[in-house]
């Protein structure tokens, strides 16, 4: 569970900003989206290979 402690005289907007940052970094939303639907293991493996190929191609583009 993600939570923050609001300080004595802290602005609510600043506290909300801290909470959003902590929430985003924890990966809760990413995990939720991942679990909302089922992907077959074969599709998951294929997607990881495609992502790796894209990452490598991108790295090679910037090396030249």
PDB file of N, CA and C in Angstrom:
ATOM      1  N   UNK A   1       0.829  -1.176   0.000  1.00  0.00           N
ATOM      2  CA  UNK A   1       0.000   0.000   0.000  1.00  0.00           C
ATOM      3  C   UNK A   1       0.878   1.246   0.000  1.00  0.00           C
ATOM      4  N   UNK A   2       0.588   2.158  -0.873  1.00  0.00           N
ATOM      5  CA  UNK A   2       1.358   3.381  -1.002  1.00  0.00           C
ATOM      6  C   UNK A   2       0.704   4.455  -0.146  1.00  0.00           C
ATOM      7  N   UNK A   3       1.499   5.165   0.616  1.00  0.00           N
ATOM      8  CA  UNK A   3       0.960   6.234   1.442  1.00  0.00           C
ATOM      9  C   UNK A   3       2.032   7.227   1.810  1.00  0.00           C
ATOM     10  N   UNK A   4       1.597   8.404   2.213  1.00  0.00           N
ATOM     11  CA  UNK A   4       2.517   9.439   2.662  1.00  0.00           C
ATOM     12  C   UNK A   4       1.980  10.033   3.956  1.00  0.00           C
ATOM     13  N   UNK A   5       2.843  10.678   4.698  1.00  0.00           N
ATOM     14  CA  UNK A   5       2.441  11.389   5.902  1.00  0.00           C
ATOM     15  C   UNK A   5       2.461  12.874   5.577  1.00  0.00           C
ATOM     16  N   UNK A   6       1.318  13.520   5.732  1.00  0.00           N
ATOM     17  CA  UNK A   6       1.209  14.947   5.439  1.00  0.00           C
ATOM     18  C   UNK A   6       1.785  15.715   6.620  1.00  0.00           C
ATOM     19  N   UNK A   7       2.698  16.628   6.321  1.00  0.00           N
ATOM     20  CA  UNK A   7       3.358  17.424   7.355  1.00  0.00           C
ATOM     21  C   UNK A   7       2.394  18.446   7.961  1.00  0.00           C
ATOM     22  N   UNK A   8       2.818  19.083   9.038  1.00  0.00           N
ATOM     23  CA  UNK A   8       1.976  20.014   9.797  1.00  0.00           C
ATOM     24  C   UNK A   8       1.382  21.123   8.932  1.00  0.00           C
ATOM     25  N   UNK A   9       2.206  21.921   8.297  1.00  0.00           N
ATOM     26  CA  UNK A   9       1.729  23.065   7.511  1.00  0.00           C
ATOM     27  C   UNK A   9       1.979  22.865   6.026  1.00  0.00           C
ATOM     28  N   UNK A  10       1.847  21.644   5.561  1.00  0.00           N
ATOM     29  CA  UNK A  10       2.141  21.348   4.158  1.00  0.00           C
ATOM     30  C   UNK A  10       0.931  21.634   3.277  1.00  0.00           C
ATOM     31  N   UNK A  11       1.201  22.208   2.144  1.00  0.00           N
ATOM     32  CA  UNK A  11       0.155  22.490   1.165  1.00  0.00           C
ATOM     33  C   UNK A  11      -0.397  21.173   0.634  1.00  0.00           C
ATOM     34  N   UNK A  12      -1.708  21.071   0.435  1.00  0.00           N
ATOM     35  CA  UNK A  12      -2.323  19.823  -0.023  1.00  0.00           C
ATOM     36  C   UNK A  12      -1.872  19.476  -1.433  1.00  0.00           C
ATOM     37  N   UNK A  13      -1.634  20.489  -2.255  1.00  0.00           N
ATOM     38  CA  UNK A  13      -1.169  20.227  -3.618  1.00  0.00           C
ATOM     39  C   UNK A  13       0.218  19.583  -3.616  1.00  0.00           C
ATOM     40  N   UNK A  14       1.060  20.041  -2.725  1.00  0.00           N
ATOM     41  CA  UNK A  14       2.413  19.479  -2.642  1.00  0.00           C
ATOM     42  C   UNK A  14       2.367  18.035  -2.131  1.00  0.00           C
ATOM     43  N   UNK A  15       1.496  17.796  -1.156  1.00  0.00           N
ATOM     44  CA  UNK A  15       1.346  16.441  -0.624  1.00  0.00           C
ATOM     45  C   UNK A  15       0.801  15.501  -1.703  1.00  0.00           C
ATOM     46  N   UNK A  16      -0.150  15.986  -2.479  1.00  0.00           N
ATOM     47  CA  UNK A  16      -0.712  15.179  -3.563  1.00  0.00           C
ATOM     48  C   UNK A  16       0.344  14.883  -4.615  1.00  0.00           C
ATOM     49  N   UNK A  17       1.192  15.852  -4.907  1.00  0.00           N
ATOM     50  CA  UNK A  17       2.271  15.665  -5.875  1.00  0.00           C
ATOM     51  C   UNK A  17       3.257  14.604  -5.384  1.00  0.00           C
ATOM     52  N   UNK A  18       3.587  14.636  -4.074  1.00  0.00           N
ATOM     53  CA  UNK A  18       4.471  13.619  -3.502  1.00  0.00           C
ATOM     54  C   UNK A  18       3.847  12.233  -3.586  1.00  0.00           C
ATOM     55  N   UNK A  19       2.541  12.177  -3.308  1.00  0.00           N
ATOM     56  CA  UNK A  19       1.852  10.893  -3.362  1.00  0.00           C
ATOM     57  C   UNK A  19       1.857  10.329  -4.782  1.00  0.00           C
ATOM     58  N   UNK A  20       1.555  11.167  -5.763  1.00  0.00           N
ATOM     59  CA  UNK A  20       1.523  10.718  -7.156  1.00  0.00           C
ATOM     60  C   UNK A  20       2.887  10.193  -7.597  1.00  0.00           C
ATOM     61  N   UNK A  21       3.941  10.893  -7.196  1.00  0.00           N
ATOM     62  CA  UNK A  21       5.292  10.478  -7.569  1.00  0.00           C
ATOM     63  C   UNK A  21       5.630   9.121  -6.943  1.00  0.00           C
ATOM     64  N   UNK A  22       5.280   8.960  -5.671  1.00  0.00           N
ATOM     65  CA  UNK A  22       5.552   7.709  -4.974  1.00  0.00           C
ATOM     66  C   UNK A  22       4.736   6.573  -5.584  1.00  0.00           C
ATOM     67  N   UNK A  23       3.473   6.858  -5.922  1.00  0.00           N
ATOM     68  CA  UNK A  23       2.579   5.882  -6.530  1.00  0.00           C
ATOM     69  C   UNK A  23       3.115   5.426  -7.881  1.00  0.00           C
ATOM     70  N   UNK A  24       3.585   6.375  -8.686  1.00  0.00           N
ATOM     71  CA  UNK A  24       4.108   6.061 -10.011  1.00  0.00           C
ATOM     72  C   UNK A  24       5.372   5.223  -9.925  1.00  0.00           C
ATOM     73  N   UNK A  25       6.253   5.568  -8.996  1.00  0.00           N
ATOM     74  CA  UNK A  25       7.512   4.844  -8.852  1.00  0.00           C
ATOM     75  C   UNK A  25       7.317   3.437  -8.320  1.00  0.00           C
ATOM     76  N   UNK A  26       6.256   3.216  -7.557  1.00  0.00           N
ATOM     77  CA  UNK A  26       6.032   1.892  -6.966  1.00  0.00           C
ATOM     78  C   UNK A  26       5.604   0.862  -8.006  1.00  0.00           C
ATOM     79  N   UNK A  27       5.049   1.302  -9.130  1.00  0.00           N
ATOM     80  CA  UNK A  27       4.662   0.386 -10.192  1.00  0.00           C
ATOM     81  C   UNK A  27       3.310  -0.272  -9.982  1.00  0.00           C
ATOM     82  N   UNK A  28       2.478   0.277  -9.135  1.00  0.00           N
ATOM     83  CA  UNK A  28       1.165  -0.295  -8.842  1.00  0.00           C
ATOM     84  C   UNK A  28       0.297  -0.286 -10.092  1.00  0.00           C
ATOM     85  N   UNK A  29       0.244   0.832 -10.780  1.00  0.00           N
ATOM     86  CA  UNK A  29      -0.600   0.946 -11.962  1.00  0.00           C
ATOM     87  C   UNK A  29      -0.120   0.024 -13.076  1.00  0.00           C
ATOM     88  N   UNK A  30       1.179  -0.078 -13.246  1.00  0.00           N
ATOM     89  CA  UNK A  30       1.749  -0.957 -14.267  1.00  0.00           C
ATOM     90  C   UNK A  30       1.382  -2.416 -13.986  1.00  0.00           C
ATOM     91  N   UNK A  31       1.487  -2.803 -12.727  1.00  0.00           N
ATOM     92  CA  UNK A  31       1.139  -4.167 -12.323  1.00  0.00           C
ATOM     93  C   UNK A  31      -0.350  -4.428 -12.522  1.00  0.00           C
ATOM     94  N   UNK A  32      -1.184  -3.448 -12.219  1.00  0.00           N
ATOM     95  CA  UNK A  32      -2.631  -3.592 -12.405  1.00  0.00           C
ATOM     96  C   UNK A  32      -2.968  -3.815 -13.877  1.00  0.00           C
ATOM     97  N   UNK A  33      -2.388  -3.003 -14.735  1.00  0.00           N
ATOM     98  CA  UNK A  33      -2.647  -3.140 -16.172  1.00  0.00           C
ATOM     99  C   UNK A  33      -2.169  -4.488 -16.683  1.00  0.00           C
ATOM    100  N   UNK A  34      -1.061  -4.956 -16.152  1.00  0.00           N
ATOM    101  CA  UNK A  34      -0.512  -6.246 -16.565  1.00  0.00           C
ATOM    102  C   UNK A  34      -1.444  -7.395 -16.174  1.00  0.00           C
ATOM    103  N   UNK A  35      -2.098  -7.286 -15.035  1.00  0.00           N
ATOM    104  CA  UNK A  35      -2.942  -8.362 -14.526  1.00  0.00           C
ATOM    105  C   UNK A  35      -4.390  -8.301 -14.985  1.00  0.00           C
ATOM    106  N   UNK A  36      -4.803  -7.239 -15.662  1.00  0.00           N
ATOM    107  CA  UNK A  36      -6.204  -7.114 -16.043  1.00  0.00           C
ATOM    108  C   UNK A  36      -6.610  -8.071 -17.154  1.00  0.00           C
ATOM    109  N   UNK A  37      -5.687  -8.494 -17.956  1.00  0.00           N
ATOM    110  CA  UNK A  37      -6.035  -9.436 -19.019  1.00  0.00           C
ATOM    111  C   UNK A  37      -4.945 -10.488 -19.139  1.00  0.00           C
ATOM    112  N   UNK A  38      -5.318 -11.626 -19.664  1.00  0.00           N
ATOM    113  CA  UNK A  38      -4.393 -12.749 -19.771  1.00  0.00           C
ATOM    114  C   UNK A  38      -3.718 -12.748 -21.130  1.00  0.00           C
ATOM    115  N   UNK A  39      -2.408 -12.914 -21.128  1.00  0.00           N
ATOM    116  CA  UNK A  39      -1.674 -13.095 -22.377  1.00  0.00           C
ATOM    117  C   UNK A  39      -1.030 -14.468 -22.348  1.00  0.00           C
ATOM    118  N   UNK A  40      -1.135 -15.153 -23.433  1.00  0.00           N
ATOM    119  CA  UNK A  40      -0.544 -16.479 -23.518  1.00  0.00           C
ATOM    120  C   UNK A  40       0.967 -16.373 -23.385  1.00  0.00           C
ATOM    121  N   UNK A  41       1.596 -17.394 -22.797  1.00  0.00           N
ATOM    122  CA  UNK A  41       3.048 -17.354 -22.638  1.00  0.00           C
ATOM    123  C   UNK A  41       3.795 -17.187 -23.963  1.00  0.00           C
ATOM    124  N   UNK A  42       3.275 -17.793 -25.023  1.00  0.00           N
ATOM    125  CA  UNK A  42       3.946 -17.663 -26.320  1.00  0.00           C
ATOM    126  C   UNK A  42       3.906 -16.218 -26.813  1.00  0.00           C
ATOM    127  N   UNK A  43       2.791 -15.537 -26.600  1.00  0.00           N
ATOM    128  CA  UNK A  43       2.665 -14.143 -27.022  1.00  0.00           C
ATOM    129  C   UNK A  43       3.577 -13.263 -26.166  1.00  0.00           C
ATOM    130  N   UNK A  44       3.644 -13.569 -24.883  1.00  0.00           N
ATOM    131  CA  UNK A  44       4.498 -12.802 -23.981  1.00  0.00           C
ATOM    132  C   UNK A  44       5.970 -12.914 -24.377  1.00  0.00           C
ATOM    133  N   UNK A  45       6.413 -14.133 -24.711  1.00  0.00           N
ATOM    134  CA  UNK A  45       7.793 -14.337 -25.150  1.00  0.00           C
ATOM    135  C   UNK A  45       8.075 -13.581 -26.443  1.00  0.00           C
ATOM    136  N   UNK A  46       7.117 -13.631 -27.364  1.00  0.00           N
ATOM    137  CA  UNK A  46       7.285 -12.935 -28.637  1.00  0.00           C
ATOM    138  C   UNK A  46       7.400 -11.432 -28.415  1.00  0.00           C
ATOM    139  N   UNK A  47       6.582 -10.896 -27.517  1.00  0.00           N
ATOM    140  CA  UNK A  47       6.623  -9.464 -27.253  1.00  0.00           C
ATOM    141  C   UNK A  47       7.951  -9.050 -26.600  1.00  0.00           C
ATOM    142  N   UNK A  48       8.473  -9.890 -25.713  1.00  0.00           N
ATOM    143  CA  UNK A  48       9.764  -9.556 -25.097  1.00  0.00           C
ATOM    144  C   UNK A  48      10.879  -9.572 -26.128  1.00  0.00           C
ATOM    145  N   UNK A  49      10.816 -10.523 -27.080  1.00  0.00           N
ATOM    146  CA  UNK A  49      11.835 -10.552 -28.145  1.00  0.00           C
ATOM    147  C   UNK A  49      11.726  -9.323 -29.031  1.00  0.00           C
ATOM    148  N   UNK A  50      10.511  -8.909 -29.349  1.00  0.00           N
ATOM    149  CA  UNK A  50      10.311  -7.729 -30.191  1.00  0.00           C
ATOM    150  C   UNK A  50      10.824  -6.486 -29.476  1.00  0.00           C
ATOM    151  N   UNK A  51      10.519  -6.354 -28.179  1.00  0.00           N
ATOM    152  CA  UNK A  51      10.988  -5.200 -27.410  1.00  0.00           C
ATOM    153  C   UNK A  51      12.515  -5.167 -27.348  1.00  0.00           C
ATOM    154  N   UNK A  52      13.134  -6.333 -27.162  1.00  0.00           N
ATOM    155  CA  UNK A  52      14.592  -6.398 -27.103  1.00  0.00           C
ATOM    156  C   UNK A  52      15.202  -5.984 -28.443  1.00  0.00           C
ATOM    157  N   UNK A  53      14.609  -6.455 -29.533  1.00  0.00           N
ATOM    158  CA  UNK A  53      15.121  -6.103 -30.861  1.00  0.00           C
ATOM    159  C   UNK A  53      15.009  -4.601 -31.101  1.00  0.00           C
ATOM    160  N   UNK A  54      13.899  -4.003 -30.687  1.00  0.00           N
ATOM    161  CA  UNK A  54      13.727  -2.557 -30.842  1.00  0.00           C
ATOM    162  C   UNK A  54      14.749  -1.790 -30.011  1.00  0.00           C
ATOM    163  N   UNK A  55      14.975  -2.260 -28.782  1.00  0.00           N
ATOM    164  CA  UNK A  55      15.929  -1.599 -27.907  1.00  0.00           C
ATOM    165  C   UNK A  55      17.334  -1.653 -28.488  1.00  0.00           C
ATOM    166  N   UNK A  56      17.716  -2.817 -29.018  1.00  0.00           N
ATOM    167  CA  UNK A  56      19.040  -2.987 -29.615  1.00  0.00           C
ATOM    168  C   UNK A  56      19.187  -2.121 -30.856  1.00  0.00           C
ATOM    169  N   UNK A  57      18.141  -2.076 -31.677  1.00  0.00           N
ATOM    170  CA  UNK A  57      18.185  -1.251 -32.880  1.00  0.00           C
ATOM    171  C   UNK A  57      18.325   0.225 -32.511  1.00  0.00           C
ATOM    172  N   UNK A  58      17.621   0.635 -31.478  1.00  0.00           N
ATOM    173  CA  UNK A  58      17.702   2.026 -31.026  1.00  0.00           C
ATOM    174  C   UNK A  58      19.101   2.361 -30.519  1.00  0.00           C
ATOM    175  N   UNK A  59      19.702   1.442 -29.756  1.00  0.00           N
ATOM    176  CA  UNK A  59      21.061   1.654 -29.259  1.00  0.00           C
ATOM    177  C   UNK A  59      22.054   1.748 -30.407  1.00  0.00           C
ATOM    178  N   UNK A  60      21.897   0.884 -31.402  1.00  0.00           N
ATOM    179  CA  UNK A  60      22.802   0.900 -32.556  1.00  0.00           C
ATOM    180  C   UNK A  60      22.665   2.179 -33.368  1.00  0.00           C
ATOM    181  N   UNK A  61      21.478   2.737 -33.428  1.00  0.00           N
ATOM    182  CA  UNK A  61      21.259   3.976 -34.151  1.00  0.00           C
ATOM    183  C   UNK A  61      22.054   5.107 -33.540  1.00  0.00           C
ATOM    184  N   UNK A  62      22.113   5.159 -32.208  1.00  0.00           N
ATOM    185  CA  UNK A  62      22.791   6.247 -31.538  1.00  0.00           C
ATOM    186  C   UNK A  62      24.289   6.057 -31.440  1.00  0.00           C
ATOM    187  N   UNK A  63      24.770   4.830 -31.605  1.00  0.00           N
ATOM    188  CA  UNK A  63      26.203   4.590 -31.537  1.00  0.00           C
ATOM    189  C   UNK A  63      26.931   5.105 -32.756  1.00  0.00           C
ATOM    190  N   UNK A  64      26.294   5.119 -33.889  1.00  0.00           N
ATOM    191  CA  UNK A  64      26.956   5.519 -35.144  1.00  0.00           C
ATOM    192  C   UNK A  64      27.192   6.984 -35.232  1.00  0.00           C
TER     193      UNK A  64
END
